[in-house]
Amino acid sequence: MKMRNQILRRLFAAAVCAGLCAALCGCSLSLAVPEGDQRNADPHEDKMIGVYITREHLDLFDHEAWLEDNLNLFTGIGENSTMLWDAERYSQRLYAQLVEDEHGVKRVLDFPGVEGWMMVDNPDSLTVTDEEGQLRTEPLWTDRDDMSNRHTNMHVKDDTTELSIEGTIYTPLGQGGWEEVTDADTGNTVRLNAYYLNPVYIDQDGNVYLVQGNGMSTNTDSDWEGSQCSFSIGQDNRTAINGETVTSESVKYEVHFYALWVAERYRFVQLDAEGQFIRADEFEPDALPETLPVESAADCILLERYYTDNNDAAQVHRVALSRGSNFMVPTGDQDDIYHSHTYNDEPRLYLPVLQPNGSFKHQQLTLSLSK
């Protein structure tokens, strides 16, 4: 009886710890399972098709299943003496749905109630659970425009296929949404922005789901605009016959984080070939126009971005756009902050504007050239 009471006390303590972890780790989610109980199905058996990046830790860990598999650690009974702690193995699945886009078309893949950035590869078809809980096959979904600088590389050689998809999230310097952390060695306090990379899979029935992923942090106290870090997840699939690999397919999803100061206003100064002032236009970031007229005598546009640094000092970032290069942003470091290209002979600029989700989105501004 004494041994039984000790076991019960240990199990109760473990259950309390599990409950505290669930309460402290992040948001609690309602999980949808299309057919049957697949909470402990191995996601590595399904195909990884992308990553969903969130600011909050997703509380998908199945504490009950973990406790059942590690019961011997508390009872002292059983062969397993090593704690099993695999986030994906014990992660319950959060299934995706197709929701309406801004045009009322139900072709946008989404995880309702969970804000984040989507970077996935489109399969040929998709089976999803609709609002009535019914399964149905839908056409390809519309890619969400969440990631900047997204590009795909594929390398095929013999029976080996390597797919790599990359994208960038622009993060703010000196802004809120951070957590203060004290360095144990120096005692210094730094502010960190946390992001979590949650793997996205598709099962054999075409259901798309995510599982709990790992977190990373960026330092918002840094005063170095352009500081970068990258994290990736991937999967290797091999088909074997008689123990020999006949085909190999690998996929990697890499997310880059790029730090920027938050613009308080943009100013466009037009100068003639002699450097003489013609006109200036100034806008707050959330009031940028779709089109900006360019005077026929303008030979150069100074694109100015005003911001305040961590020392509360006013700063300006300035780049010159010349008519000789069709007012395109010069290549190099500046091109990582601003983007540009020409469409129908009209130059288009893409300027970073801070969004409510705490990252930047590049807003289009077309330069209307006077004939």
Protein backbone atom coordinates (compact mmCIF):
# COMPACT_ATOMS: atom_id res chain seq x y z
CA MET A 1 0.00 0.00 0.00
CA LYS A 2 2.85 2.34 0.81
CA MET A 3 4.40 1.73 -2.62
CA ARG A 4 1.03 2.35 -4.29
CA ASN A 5 0.63 5.68 -2.50
CA GLN A 6 4.11 6.75 -3.55
CA ILE A 7 3.31 5.90 -7.16
CA LEU A 8 0.05 7.82 -7.02
CA ARG A 9 1.77 10.87 -5.52
CA ARG A 10 4.38 10.81 -8.29
CA LEU A 11 1.77 10.46 -11.00
CA PHE A 12 -0.26 13.30 -9.47
CA ALA A 13 2.84 15.52 -9.39
CA ALA A 14 3.57 14.69 -13.03
CA ALA A 15 -0.02 15.50 -13.97
CA VAL A 16 0.21 18.85 -12.14
CA CYS A 17 3.47 19.66 -13.96
CA ALA A 18 1.85 18.76 -17.27
CA GLY A 19 -1.07 21.04 -16.48
CA LEU A 20 1.25 23.91 -15.58
CA CYS A 21 3.20 23.42 -18.81
CA ALA A 22 -0.03 23.60 -20.78
CA ALA A 23 -1.03 26.78 -18.97
CA LEU A 24 2.33 28.53 -19.31
CA CYS A 25 3.54 27.46 -22.76
CA GLY A 26 1.01 29.31 -24.91
CA CYS A 27 -2.47 29.26 -26.35
CA SER A 28 -4.77 26.27 -25.92
CA LEU A 29 -6.16 24.96 -29.20
CA SER A 30 -9.19 23.04 -30.32
CA LEU A 31 -8.01 20.09 -32.38
CA ALA A 32 -9.87 18.71 -35.37
CA VAL A 33 -9.31 15.09 -36.44
CA PRO A 34 -10.97 14.07 -39.74
CA GLU A 35 -11.32 10.34 -39.07
CA GLY A 36 -10.50 8.38 -35.93
CA ASP A 37 -8.00 9.23 -33.24
CA GLN A 38 -4.68 10.01 -34.94
CA ARG A 39 -3.18 12.03 -32.13
CA ASN A 40 -0.18 9.69 -31.78
CA ALA A 41 0.26 8.80 -35.45
CA ASP A 42 3.84 9.34 -36.51
CA PRO A 43 3.99 12.49 -38.69
CA HIS A 44 7.24 11.23 -40.22
CA GLU A 45 5.12 8.73 -42.19
CA ASP A 46 3.46 11.66 -44.02
CA LYS A 47 4.96 14.12 -46.46
CA MET A 48 6.25 17.42 -45.12
CA ILE A 49 4.98 20.25 -47.32
CA GLY A 50 6.02 23.33 -45.41
CA VAL A 51 6.27 25.29 -42.19
CA TYR A 52 3.90 27.56 -40.27
CA ILE A 53 5.72 30.22 -38.23
CA THR A 54 3.96 31.55 -35.12
CA ARG A 55 4.80 34.09 -32.42
CA GLU A 56 3.25 31.93 -29.70
CA HIS A 57 4.14 28.44 -28.64
CA LEU A 58 1.33 26.10 -29.72
CA ASP A 59 0.25 23.88 -26.85
CA LEU A 60 -0.20 20.65 -28.84
CA PHE A 61 1.82 18.37 -26.61
CA ASP A 62 -0.10 15.22 -25.60
CA HIS A 63 0.80 15.01 -21.92
CA GLU A 64 -1.44 11.96 -21.39
CA ALA A 65 0.26 9.91 -24.11
CA TRP A 66 3.70 10.96 -22.90
CA LEU A 67 2.85 10.00 -19.33
CA GLU A 68 1.58 6.60 -20.50
CA ASP A 69 4.79 5.87 -22.42
CA ASN A 70 6.99 7.02 -19.55
CA LEU A 71 5.01 5.43 -16.74
CA ASN A 72 7.91 3.17 -15.80
CA LEU A 73 10.00 6.23 -14.88
CA PHE A 74 7.58 6.88 -12.04
CA THR A 75 6.78 3.29 -11.06
CA GLY A 76 10.23 1.75 -11.53
CA ILE A 77 8.53 -1.06 -13.45
CA GLY A 78 9.49 -1.80 -17.04
CA GLU A 79 12.51 -2.03 -19.31
CA ASN A 80 12.60 1.53 -20.59
CA SER A 81 14.79 3.71 -18.38
CA THR A 82 15.17 6.61 -20.83
CA MET A 83 12.67 9.46 -20.90
CA LEU A 84 10.97 9.68 -24.30
CA TRP A 85 10.63 13.33 -25.26
CA ASP A 86 9.94 13.85 -28.96
CA ALA A 87 7.92 16.99 -29.64
CA GLU A 88 6.57 15.70 -32.96
CA ARG A 89 5.92 12.17 -31.67
CA TYR A 90 3.75 13.48 -28.83
CA SER A 91 2.28 16.45 -30.68
CA GLN A 92 -1.40 16.36 -31.50
CA ARG A 93 -2.35 17.52 -34.95
CA LEU A 94 -3.94 20.84 -35.84
CA TYR A 95 -5.71 20.46 -39.18
CA ALA A 96 -5.93 23.17 -41.82
CA GLN A 97 -9.05 24.52 -43.48
CA LEU A 98 -9.74 26.48 -46.63
CA VAL A 99 -11.13 29.91 -45.84
CA GLU A 100 -12.37 32.79 -47.95
CA ASP A 101 -9.87 35.27 -49.30
CA GLU A 102 -10.60 38.98 -49.71
CA HIS A 103 -12.51 38.17 -52.93
CA GLY A 104 -14.79 35.60 -51.30
CA VAL A 105 -13.03 32.59 -52.86
CA LYS A 106 -12.53 29.61 -50.52
CA ARG A 107 -9.04 28.72 -51.65
CA VAL A 108 -6.80 30.09 -48.91
CA LEU A 109 -5.17 27.49 -46.67
CA ASP A 110 -5.40 28.52 -43.04
CA PHE A 111 -5.19 27.29 -39.45
CA PRO A 112 -8.21 29.13 -37.96
CA GLY A 113 -7.54 30.89 -34.70
CA VAL A 114 -3.77 30.68 -35.03
CA GLU A 115 -1.94 33.73 -36.39
CA GLY A 116 1.26 33.08 -38.27
CA TRP A 117 3.19 33.02 -41.52
CA MET A 118 2.56 30.23 -44.01
CA MET A 119 5.24 28.79 -46.29
CA VAL A 120 4.05 25.57 -47.94
CA ASP A 121 4.43 23.70 -51.20
CA ASN A 122 1.19 23.05 -53.10
CA PRO A 123 0.23 19.40 -53.71
CA ASP A 124 -1.96 18.46 -56.69
CA SER A 125 -5.18 18.34 -54.67
CA LEU A 126 -6.40 18.83 -51.14
CA THR A 127 -9.03 17.21 -48.91
CA VAL A 128 -10.21 19.43 -46.08
CA THR A 129 -12.88 19.56 -43.39
CA ASP A 130 -15.54 22.16 -44.19
CA GLU A 131 -17.59 24.21 -41.75
CA GLU A 132 -20.10 21.38 -41.35
CA GLY A 133 -17.34 18.91 -40.46
CA GLN A 134 -17.57 17.09 -43.80
CA LEU A 135 -14.55 15.98 -45.81
CA ARG A 136 -14.25 17.08 -49.41
CA THR A 137 -11.64 17.47 -52.12
CA GLU A 138 -10.76 21.01 -53.13
CA PRO A 139 -8.61 22.38 -55.97
CA LEU A 140 -5.20 23.83 -55.28
CA TRP A 141 -5.31 26.54 -52.67
CA THR A 142 -4.15 30.08 -53.25
CA ASP A 143 -0.74 30.84 -51.78
CA ARG A 144 -0.85 33.31 -48.93
CA ASP A 145 1.43 36.26 -49.46
CA ASP A 146 3.05 35.87 -46.05
CA MET A 147 6.74 35.57 -46.88
CA SER A 148 9.05 38.03 -48.62
CA ASN A 149 11.74 37.05 -51.10
CA ARG A 150 10.26 33.59 -51.48
CA HIS A 151 11.92 31.35 -54.05
CA THR A 152 12.11 27.66 -54.86
CA ASN A 153 15.06 25.60 -56.05
CA MET A 154 14.81 22.03 -57.35
CA HIS A 155 17.71 19.77 -58.23
CA VAL A 156 17.08 16.45 -59.97
CA LYS A 157 19.83 13.94 -60.66
CA ASP A 158 19.24 10.29 -61.56
CA ASP A 159 16.80 9.03 -58.93
CA THR A 160 17.43 11.86 -56.47
CA THR A 161 15.23 14.95 -56.11
CA GLU A 162 16.15 17.85 -53.82
CA LEU A 163 13.65 20.64 -53.20
CA SER A 164 14.50 23.81 -51.28
CA ILE A 165 12.03 26.61 -50.49
CA GLU A 166 13.17 29.82 -48.79
CA GLY A 167 11.41 32.92 -47.51
CA THR A 168 12.12 35.97 -45.36
CA ILE A 169 10.30 37.49 -42.40
CA TYR A 170 11.29 41.10 -41.70
CA THR A 171 11.32 41.73 -37.96
CA PRO A 172 11.22 45.13 -36.19
CA LEU A 173 14.06 46.59 -34.14
CA GLY A 174 13.21 48.41 -30.91
CA GLN A 175 9.52 47.53 -30.97
CA GLY A 176 7.15 45.74 -28.60
CA GLY A 177 6.06 42.12 -28.60
CA TRP A 178 9.33 41.09 -26.98
CA GLU A 179 10.22 39.25 -23.78
CA GLU A 180 12.91 40.43 -21.36
CA VAL A 181 15.54 37.78 -20.62
CA THR A 182 18.45 38.08 -18.17
CA ASP A 183 21.81 36.62 -19.18
CA ALA A 184 22.90 34.23 -16.40
CA ASP A 185 26.61 35.01 -16.95
CA THR A 186 26.61 38.79 -17.38
CA GLY A 187 23.40 39.75 -15.62
CA ASN A 188 22.48 41.95 -18.59
CA THR A 189 18.86 42.11 -19.67
CA VAL A 190 18.05 41.77 -23.36
CA ARG A 191 14.77 41.84 -25.25
CA LEU A 192 13.99 38.90 -27.48
CA ASN A 193 11.30 38.28 -30.08
CA ALA A 194 10.30 34.61 -30.15
CA TYR A 195 9.20 32.68 -33.23
CA TYR A 196 8.18 29.03 -33.54
CA LEU A 197 8.66 26.90 -36.65
CA ASN A 198 5.83 24.34 -36.78
CA PRO A 199 6.19 21.60 -39.46
CA VAL A 200 3.25 21.17 -41.86
CA TYR A 201 2.42 17.73 -43.31
CA ILE A 202 -0.11 16.21 -45.70
CA ASP A 203 -1.40 12.68 -45.05
CA GLN A 204 -2.39 10.02 -47.58
CA ASP A 205 -5.98 11.26 -47.57
CA GLY A 206 -4.91 14.78 -48.49
CA ASN A 207 -5.48 16.33 -45.06
CA VAL A 208 -3.04 19.08 -44.18
CA TYR A 209 -2.00 19.52 -40.55
CA LEU A 210 0.75 20.98 -38.41
CA VAL A 211 2.50 19.64 -35.34
CA GLN A 212 4.29 21.45 -32.56
CA GLY A 213 7.66 22.85 -33.60
CA ASN A 214 10.76 24.39 -32.06
CA GLY A 215 11.30 28.03 -31.13
CA MET A 216 14.00 30.58 -31.81
CA SER A 217 14.60 34.20 -30.77
CA THR A 218 15.90 37.41 -32.33
CA ASN A 219 17.42 40.27 -30.34
CA THR A 220 15.29 43.43 -30.58
CA ASP A 221 17.85 45.47 -28.59
CA SER A 222 20.31 45.28 -31.44
CA ASP A 223 20.98 48.53 -33.28
CA TRP A 224 22.27 46.75 -36.37
CA GLU A 225 19.76 47.02 -39.18
CA GLY A 226 20.24 44.16 -41.57
CA SER A 227 21.18 41.62 -38.91
CA GLN A 228 20.04 38.21 -40.07
CA CYS A 229 19.57 34.67 -38.86
CA SER A 230 18.18 31.59 -40.58
CA PHE A 231 16.52 28.37 -39.46
CA SER A 232 15.42 25.38 -41.49
CA ILE A 233 13.49 22.14 -41.19
CA GLY A 234 13.33 19.31 -43.68
CA GLN A 235 12.55 15.71 -44.47
CA ASP A 236 14.26 12.89 -46.38
CA ASN A 237 12.18 10.18 -48.06
CA ARG A 238 13.76 7.06 -49.55
CA THR A 239 12.11 4.22 -51.43
CA ALA A 240 13.93 0.89 -51.11
CA ILE A 241 13.57 -2.46 -52.87
CA ASN A 242 15.32 -5.47 -51.37
CA GLY A 243 17.10 -3.18 -48.95
CA GLU A 244 18.54 -0.94 -51.67
CA THR A 245 17.49 2.70 -52.14
CA VAL A 246 16.03 3.22 -55.60
CA THR A 247 14.67 6.76 -55.22
CA SER A 248 15.47 9.58 -52.83
CA GLU A 249 13.49 12.75 -52.25
CA SER A 250 14.49 15.48 -49.83
CA VAL A 251 12.86 18.79 -49.00
CA LYS A 252 14.08 21.73 -46.94
CA TYR A 253 12.19 24.82 -45.81
CA GLU A 254 14.43 27.65 -44.73
CA VAL A 255 13.18 30.79 -42.98
CA HIS A 256 15.34 33.92 -42.86
CA PHE A 257 14.78 36.67 -40.31
CA TYR A 258 15.92 40.17 -41.29
CA ALA A 259 15.87 43.06 -38.78
CA LEU A 260 14.65 46.53 -39.78
CA TRP A 261 14.00 49.83 -38.07
CA VAL A 262 10.34 50.84 -38.11
CA ALA A 263 9.66 53.70 -40.50
CA GLU A 264 7.76 56.65 -39.04
CA ARG A 265 7.48 58.37 -42.41
CA TYR A 266 8.71 58.13 -45.99
CA ARG A 267 9.84 61.12 -48.02
CA PHE A 268 10.46 61.26 -51.79
CA VAL A 269 12.63 64.19 -52.97
CA GLN A 270 12.85 64.77 -56.73
CA LEU A 271 15.96 66.50 -58.11
CA ASP A 272 16.90 67.56 -61.63
CA ALA A 273 20.15 66.69 -63.43
CA GLU A 274 21.88 69.60 -61.70
CA GLY A 275 20.78 68.45 -58.26
CA GLN A 276 18.23 71.23 -57.93
CA PHE A 277 15.08 70.65 -55.92
CA ILE A 278 11.84 70.00 -57.88
CA ARG A 279 9.35 68.65 -55.36
CA ALA A 280 9.00 66.50 -52.24
CA ASP A 281 6.22 64.18 -51.12
CA GLU A 282 5.93 62.81 -47.60
CA PHE A 283 3.71 60.01 -46.26
CA GLU A 284 3.20 57.98 -43.15
CA PRO A 285 3.74 54.26 -43.81
CA ASP A 286 0.07 53.32 -43.51
CA ALA A 287 -0.90 56.15 -45.88
CA LEU A 288 1.40 55.37 -48.80
CA PRO A 289 -0.37 56.03 -52.13
CA GLU A 290 -0.63 53.45 -54.90
CA THR A 291 0.96 55.86 -57.39
CA LEU A 292 3.48 58.71 -57.10
CA PRO A 293 3.88 61.09 -60.07
CA VAL A 294 7.43 61.73 -61.26
CA GLU A 295 8.14 65.06 -62.93
CA SER A 296 9.59 64.96 -66.45
CA ALA A 297 12.61 67.02 -65.31
CA ALA A 298 13.37 64.66 -62.41
CA ASP A 299 16.69 62.89 -62.88
CA CYS A 300 16.98 61.51 -59.34
CA ILE A 301 14.65 60.59 -56.47
CA LEU A 302 15.96 60.49 -52.92
CA LEU A 303 14.01 57.84 -51.04
CA GLU A 304 14.20 58.75 -47.34
CA ARG A 305 13.01 56.60 -44.44
CA TYR A 306 12.78 58.30 -41.03
CA TYR A 307 12.89 56.31 -37.79
CA THR A 308 13.92 56.50 -34.11
CA ASP A 309 16.70 54.24 -32.82
CA ASN A 310 17.07 52.55 -29.43
CA ASN A 311 18.63 55.73 -27.99
CA ASP A 312 15.55 57.77 -28.97
CA ALA A 313 17.63 59.58 -31.59
CA ALA A 314 16.03 60.58 -34.89
CA GLN A 315 17.64 58.88 -37.87
CA VAL A 316 17.18 58.85 -41.61
CA HIS A 317 18.02 56.13 -44.12
CA ARG A 318 18.51 57.52 -47.63
CA VAL A 319 18.96 55.86 -51.02
CA ALA A 320 19.23 57.52 -54.45
CA LEU A 321 17.14 56.27 -57.39
CA SER A 322 18.33 57.50 -60.79
CA ARG A 323 16.41 57.88 -64.04
CA GLY A 324 19.27 56.17 -65.84
CA SER A 325 18.40 52.94 -64.01
CA ASN A 326 14.66 53.57 -64.38
CA PHE A 327 14.50 54.52 -60.68
CA MET A 328 15.28 50.98 -59.60
CA VAL A 329 16.74 50.33 -56.14
CA PRO A 330 20.52 49.78 -56.41
CA THR A 331 21.62 46.21 -55.90
CA GLY A 332 23.38 45.31 -52.68
CA ASP A 333 22.36 45.79 -49.08
CA GLN A 334 19.69 48.36 -49.97
CA ASP A 335 17.90 45.78 -52.12
CA ASP A 336 17.26 43.68 -48.99
CA ILE A 337 15.31 46.56 -47.44
CA TYR A 338 13.51 47.84 -50.53
CA HIS A 339 12.46 45.84 -53.57
CA SER A 340 11.81 47.09 -57.08
CA HIS A 341 11.05 45.96 -60.60
CA THR A 342 9.61 47.36 -63.84
CA TYR A 343 6.14 46.48 -65.13
CA ASN A 344 4.89 47.87 -68.44
CA ASP A 345 7.81 50.32 -68.42
CA GLU A 346 6.69 51.71 -65.06
CA PRO A 347 8.97 51.31 -62.04
CA ARG A 348 7.44 49.73 -58.95
CA LEU A 349 8.89 50.15 -55.48
CA TYR A 350 8.11 47.90 -52.51
CA LEU A 351 8.55 49.59 -49.14
CA PRO A 352 8.48 47.84 -45.73
CA VAL A 353 5.42 48.72 -43.64
CA LEU A 354 4.92 47.26 -40.15
CA GLN A 355 1.85 45.03 -39.86
CA PRO A 356 -0.35 44.26 -36.82
CA ASN A 357 1.21 40.77 -36.57
CA GLY A 358 4.58 42.34 -35.71
CA SER A 359 6.40 41.85 -39.02
CA PHE A 360 6.80 43.91 -42.17
CA LYS A 361 5.02 43.61 -45.47
CA HIS A 362 6.40 45.33 -48.56
CA GLN A 363 3.77 47.66 -49.95
CA GLN A 364 3.76 48.47 -53.65
CA LEU A 365 4.22 52.04 -54.88
CA THR A 366 4.17 52.68 -58.63
CA LEU A 367 6.16 55.63 -60.00
CA SER A 368 4.11 57.32 -62.74
CA LEU A 369 6.57 58.78 -65.23
CA SER A 370 5.62 61.94 -67.07
CA LYS A 371 5.81 61.54 -70.81
